[in-house]
Each structure stands twice: as C-alpha cells, then as structure tokens.
C-alpha atoms as a PDB file:
ATOM      1  CA  UNK A   1      -6.786-126.014  47.068  1.00  0.00           C
ATOM      2  CA  UNK A   2      -7.878-122.538  45.482  1.00  0.00           C
ATOM      3  CA  UNK A   3      -4.062-121.547  44.216  1.00  0.00           C
ATOM      4  CA  UNK A   4      -3.965-125.689  43.129  1.00  0.00           C
ATOM      5  CA  UNK A   5      -7.617-124.635  41.164  1.00  0.00           C
ATOM      6  CA  UNK A   6      -6.178-121.401  39.846  1.00  0.00           C
ATOM      7  CA  UNK A   7      -3.071-123.332  38.555  1.00  0.00           C
ATOM      8  CA  UNK A   8      -5.321-126.247  37.178  1.00  0.00           C
ATOM      9  CA  UNK A   9      -7.424-123.411  35.221  1.00  0.00           C
ATOM     10  CA  UNK A  10      -4.259-121.511  33.914  1.00  0.00           C
ATOM     11  CA  UNK A  11      -2.846-124.981  32.653  1.00  0.00           C
ATOM     12  CA  UNK A  12      -5.962-125.272  31.031  1.00  0.00           C
ATOM     13  CA  UNK A  13      -5.989-121.912  29.458  1.00  0.00           C
ATOM     14  CA  UNK A  14      -2.383-122.946  28.752  1.00  0.00           C
ATOM     15  CA  UNK A  15      -3.001-126.419  26.551  1.00  0.00           C
ATOM     16  CA  UNK A  16      -5.583-124.487  24.470  1.00  0.00           C
ATOM     17  CA  UNK A  17      -3.874-121.738  24.057  1.00  0.00           C
ATOM     18  CA  UNK A  18      -0.691-123.961  22.415  1.00  0.00           C
ATOM     19  CA  UNK A  19      -3.170-126.697  20.284  1.00  0.00           C
ATOM     20  CA  UNK A  20      -5.204-123.074  19.114  1.00  0.00           C
ATOM     21  CA  UNK A  21      -1.433-121.697  18.166  1.00  0.00           C
ATOM     22  CA  UNK A  22      -0.313-125.554  16.463  1.00  0.00           C
ATOM     23  CA  UNK A  23      -3.836-125.944  14.702  1.00  0.00           C
ATOM     24  CA  UNK A  24      -3.126-122.486  13.228  1.00  0.00           C
ATOM     25  CA  UNK A  25       0.417-123.394  12.058  1.00  0.00           C
ATOM     26  CA  UNK A  26      -1.392-126.654  10.819  1.00  0.00           C
ATOM     27  CA  UNK A  27      -4.097-124.710   9.007  1.00  0.00           C
ATOM     28  CA  UNK A  28      -0.694-122.109   7.377  1.00  0.00           C
ATOM     29  CA  UNK A  29       1.228-124.528   6.199  1.00  0.00           C
ATOM     30  CA  UNK A  30      -1.433-126.356   4.594  1.00  0.00           C
ATOM     31  CA  UNK A  31      -2.335-123.143   2.412  1.00  0.00           C
ATOM     32  CA  UNK A  32       0.055-120.932   2.077  1.00  0.00           C
ATOM     33  CA  UNK A  33       3.362-121.032  -0.110  1.00  0.00           C
ATOM     34  CA  UNK A  34       6.265-119.312   1.902  1.00  0.00           C
ATOM     35  CA  UNK A  35       4.984-119.668   5.382  1.00  0.00           C
ATOM     36  CA  UNK A  36       7.311-118.185   7.911  1.00  0.00           C
ATOM     37  CA  UNK A  37       9.010-121.672   9.682  1.00  0.00           C
ATOM     38  CA  UNK A  38      11.349-119.500  12.190  1.00  0.00           C
ATOM     39  CA  UNK A  39       8.291-117.119  13.421  1.00  0.00           C
ATOM     40  CA  UNK A  40       5.782-120.031  13.807  1.00  0.00           C
ATOM     41  CA  UNK A  41       9.245-122.111  15.903  1.00  0.00           C
ATOM     42  CA  UNK A  42       9.621-119.703  18.232  1.00  0.00           C
ATOM     43  CA  UNK A  43       5.616-118.840  18.995  1.00  0.00           C
ATOM     44  CA  UNK A  44       5.862-122.444  19.215  1.00  0.00           C
ATOM     45  CA  UNK A  45       8.689-122.327  21.934  1.00  0.00           C
ATOM     46  CA  UNK A  46       7.251-119.505  23.584  1.00  0.00           C
ATOM     47  CA  UNK A  47       3.864-121.226  24.204  1.00  0.00           C
ATOM     48  CA  UNK A  48       5.701-125.003  25.192  1.00  0.00           C
ATOM     49  CA  UNK A  49       7.875-123.065  28.095  1.00  0.00           C
ATOM     50  CA  UNK A  50       5.175-121.248  29.155  1.00  0.00           C
ATOM     51  CA  UNK A  51       3.098-124.301  29.640  1.00  0.00           C
ATOM     52  CA  UNK A  52       6.213-126.341  30.698  1.00  0.00           C
ATOM     53  CA  UNK A  53       6.734-124.149  33.597  1.00  0.00           C
ATOM     54  CA  UNK A  54       2.784-123.883  35.322  1.00  0.00           C
ATOM     55  CA  UNK A  55       3.286-127.952  34.874  1.00  0.00           C
ATOM     56  CA  UNK A  56       6.327-127.995  36.779  1.00  0.00           C
ATOM     57  CA  UNK A  57       4.952-125.645  39.102  1.00  0.00           C
ATOM     58  CA  UNK A  58       1.798-127.538  39.723  1.00  0.00           C
ATOM     59  CA  UNK A  59       4.077-130.714  40.382  1.00  0.00           C
ATOM     60  CA  UNK A  60       5.866-128.824  42.408  1.00  0.00           C
ATOM     61  CA  UNK A  61       2.785-127.838  44.844  1.00  0.00           C
ATOM     62  CA  UNK A  62       1.628-131.546  44.107  1.00  0.00           C
ATOM     63  CA  UNK A  63       4.065-133.358  45.703  1.00  0.00           C
ATOM     64  CA  UNK A  64       5.242-131.199  48.492  1.00  0.00           C
ATOM     65  CA  UNK A  65       1.259-130.949  49.271  1.00  0.00           C
ATOM     66  CA  UNK A  66       0.598-135.030  48.444  1.00  0.00           C
ATOM     67  CA  UNK A  67      -2.927-133.971  47.299  1.00  0.00           C
ATOM     68  CA  UNK A  68      -4.897-137.352  45.996  1.00  0.00           C
ATOM     69  CA  UNK A  69      -7.794-135.765  44.989  1.00  0.00           C
ATOM     70  CA  UNK A  70      -5.804-134.706  42.105  1.00  0.00           C
ATOM     71  CA  UNK A  71      -5.896-137.535  40.258  1.00  0.00           C
ATOM     72  CA  UNK A  72      -8.927-136.426  37.776  1.00  0.00           C
ATOM     73  CA  UNK A  73      -7.103-133.410  36.748  1.00  0.00           C
ATOM     74  CA  UNK A  74      -3.550-135.321  35.728  1.00  0.00           C
ATOM     75  CA  UNK A  75      -5.721-138.014  33.922  1.00  0.00           C
ATOM     76  CA  UNK A  76      -6.917-134.678  32.106  1.00  0.00           C
ATOM     77  CA  UNK A  77      -3.200-133.242  32.004  1.00  0.00           C
ATOM     78  CA  UNK A  78      -2.184-136.484  30.307  1.00  0.00           C
ATOM     79  CA  UNK A  79      -5.335-136.673  27.527  1.00  0.00           C
ATOM     80  CA  UNK A  80      -4.019-133.039  26.701  1.00  0.00           C
ATOM     81  CA  UNK A  81      -0.293-133.774  26.616  1.00  0.00           C
ATOM     82  CA  UNK A  82      -1.795-136.804  24.188  1.00  0.00           C
ATOM     83  CA  UNK A  83      -3.571-134.767  21.878  1.00  0.00           C
ATOM     84  CA  UNK A  84      -0.808-131.750  21.964  1.00  0.00           C
ATOM     85  CA  UNK A  85       1.601-134.656  20.758  1.00  0.00           C
ATOM     86  CA  UNK A  86      -0.725-135.758  17.992  1.00  0.00           C
ATOM     87  CA  UNK A  87      -1.018-132.473  16.311  1.00  0.00           C
ATOM     88  CA  UNK A  88       2.581-131.746  16.383  1.00  0.00           C
ATOM     89  CA  UNK A  89       3.222-134.947  14.511  1.00  0.00           C
ATOM     90  CA  UNK A  90       0.856-133.601  11.977  1.00  0.00           C
ATOM     91  CA  UNK A  91       2.573-130.290  11.912  1.00  0.00           C
ATOM     92  CA  UNK A  92       5.728-132.552  11.528  1.00  0.00           C
ATOM     93  CA  UNK A  93       4.372-134.398   8.539  1.00  0.00           C
ATOM     94  CA  UNK A  94       2.456-131.002   7.148  1.00  0.00           C
ATOM     95  CA  UNK A  95       6.528-129.481   7.462  1.00  0.00           C
ATOM     96  CA  UNK A  96       8.117-132.699   5.940  1.00  0.00           C
ATOM     97  CA  UNK A  97       5.895-132.451   2.619  1.00  0.00           C
ATOM     98  CA  UNK A  98       6.117-128.709   2.383  1.00  0.00           C
ATOM     99  CA  UNK A  99      10.595-129.557   2.792  1.00  0.00           C
ATOM    100  CA  UNK A 100      10.221-131.883  -0.057  1.00  0.00           C
ATOM    101  CA  UNK A 101       7.997-129.743  -2.389  1.00  0.00           C
ATOM    102  CA  UNK A 102      10.601-126.868  -1.597  1.00  0.00           C
ATOM    103  CA  UNK A 103      13.257-129.035  -2.820  1.00  0.00           C
ATOM    104  CA  UNK A 104      11.158-130.239  -6.352  1.00  0.00           C
ATOM    105  CA  UNK A 105      11.078-126.547  -6.955  1.00  0.00           C
ATOM    106  CA  UNK A 106      14.401-125.686  -6.790  1.00  0.00           C
ATOM    107  CA  UNK A 107      15.796-128.602  -8.676  1.00  0.00           C
ATOM    108  CA  UNK A 108      13.303-127.478 -11.128  1.00  0.00           C
ATOM    109  CA  UNK A 109      14.396-123.864 -11.342  1.00  0.00           C
ATOM    110  CA  UNK A 110      17.923-125.818 -10.956  1.00  0.00           C
ATOM    111  CA  UNK A 111      17.310-126.919 -14.916  1.00  0.00           C
ATOM    112  CA  UNK A 112      15.420-123.888 -15.954  1.00  0.00           C
ATOM    113  CA  UNK A 113      18.852-122.263 -14.955  1.00  0.00           C
ATOM    114  CA  UNK A 114      20.827-124.611 -16.971  1.00  0.00           C
ATOM    115  CA  UNK A 115      18.358-124.734 -19.581  1.00  0.00           C
ATOM    116  CA  UNK A 116      18.639-120.903 -20.295  1.00  0.00           C
ATOM    117  CA  UNK A 117      22.512-120.953 -19.749  1.00  0.00           C
ATOM    118  CA  UNK A 118      22.676-122.735 -23.163  1.00  0.00           C
ATOM    119  CA  UNK A 119      20.672-120.106 -24.612  1.00  0.00           C
ATOM    120  CA  UNK A 120      23.948-117.854 -24.381  1.00  0.00           C
ATOM    121  CA  UNK A 121      26.742-117.593 -25.810  1.00  0.00           C
ATOM    122  CA  UNK A 122      30.195-119.288 -25.021  1.00  0.00           C
ATOM    123  CA  UNK A 123      32.414-116.109 -24.998  1.00  0.00           C
ATOM    124  CA  UNK A 124      29.483-113.123 -24.110  1.00  0.00           C
ATOM    125  CA  UNK A 125      32.590-110.614 -24.847  1.00  0.00           C
ATOM    126  CA  UNK A 126      33.597-112.394 -28.529  1.00  0.00           C
ATOM    127  CA  UNK A 127      30.917-109.920 -29.929  1.00  0.00           C
ATOM    128  CA  UNK A 128      31.440-106.581 -28.078  1.00  0.00           C
ATOM    129  CA  UNK A 129      34.410-103.814 -29.029  1.00  0.00           C
ATOM    130  CA  UNK A 130      36.972-103.510 -26.722  1.00  0.00           C
ATOM    131  CA  UNK A 131      37.514-100.591 -27.000  1.00  0.00           C
ATOM    132  CA  UNK A 132      35.088 -97.378 -26.475  1.00  0.00           C
ATOM    133  CA  UNK A 133      35.327 -94.676 -28.745  1.00  0.00           C
ATOM    134  CA  UNK A 134      34.258 -91.209 -27.819  1.00  0.00           C
ATOM    135  CA  UNK A 135      34.176 -89.774 -31.052  1.00  0.00           C
ATOM    136  CA  UNK A 136      31.023 -89.115 -32.919  1.00  0.00           C
END
C-alpha cells in the first residue's frame, strides 16, 4: 500500500508539473513576440513521457494487486487528464493564432519587398563603369 501511495503522490506531482508547464507556455504564447516553439514542445514531451511512465507503472501494479480501493484515485487521475486536455486545447489555439499572425506578417513583408524592388533601376549595372581606372 505504501508503494501505491508513493506512486500516487508522484503522479499527482507530475500532473501539477505538467499543468504548470502548459500554463507557462500559454502565457509565453500570449506575451512573447517570437516564442521558442521547439523548446516548449520538448519541455511538454519530456513532462508527458514522465507522467505516462508513472501512470503505466501504477496501472501495472494496480492490475496485479487488484485493489478496488483505488477507484477514487483513478477518478482523480481522470479529472487531471481532463484538465490537461483543456489546457492543451487552449495551447493549441494559441499556437494556431500565432501561426496565423506570423503568416500575415510574412505576407506584409513580402508586399513591402515587392514595393521596394519597384524603386530599383531595371538594370542596376547600367550606370556603373565597366572598367575600373587605376590612374588618378
């Protein structure tokens, strides 16, 4: 039973850590101009794998021991998973919004580049000398 209690506490800690990472990433997506999506993805993947591993181990020990008194903990884990899924949906929407803003900004830059190219001469080498004079 103490082994289950320690794994339950570990899982609760991992859920809190994962939710904290998600909340932090949502804040970053809402406040930073150029968030580091690769680092954020790696952070969440690492936290998710740790949580999944802990849950898998817990479920394996639960199935071998057949403890029916763990139903309340399983219901709590289900609520935690739903909370994580809600935060993940919010984060997905924030990333999608960021991608749309970035795409719009890149299109504006492309239009500006096209406009600036209109001020360049058609043949930029036409007014330049073809031979350099070394005599002063």
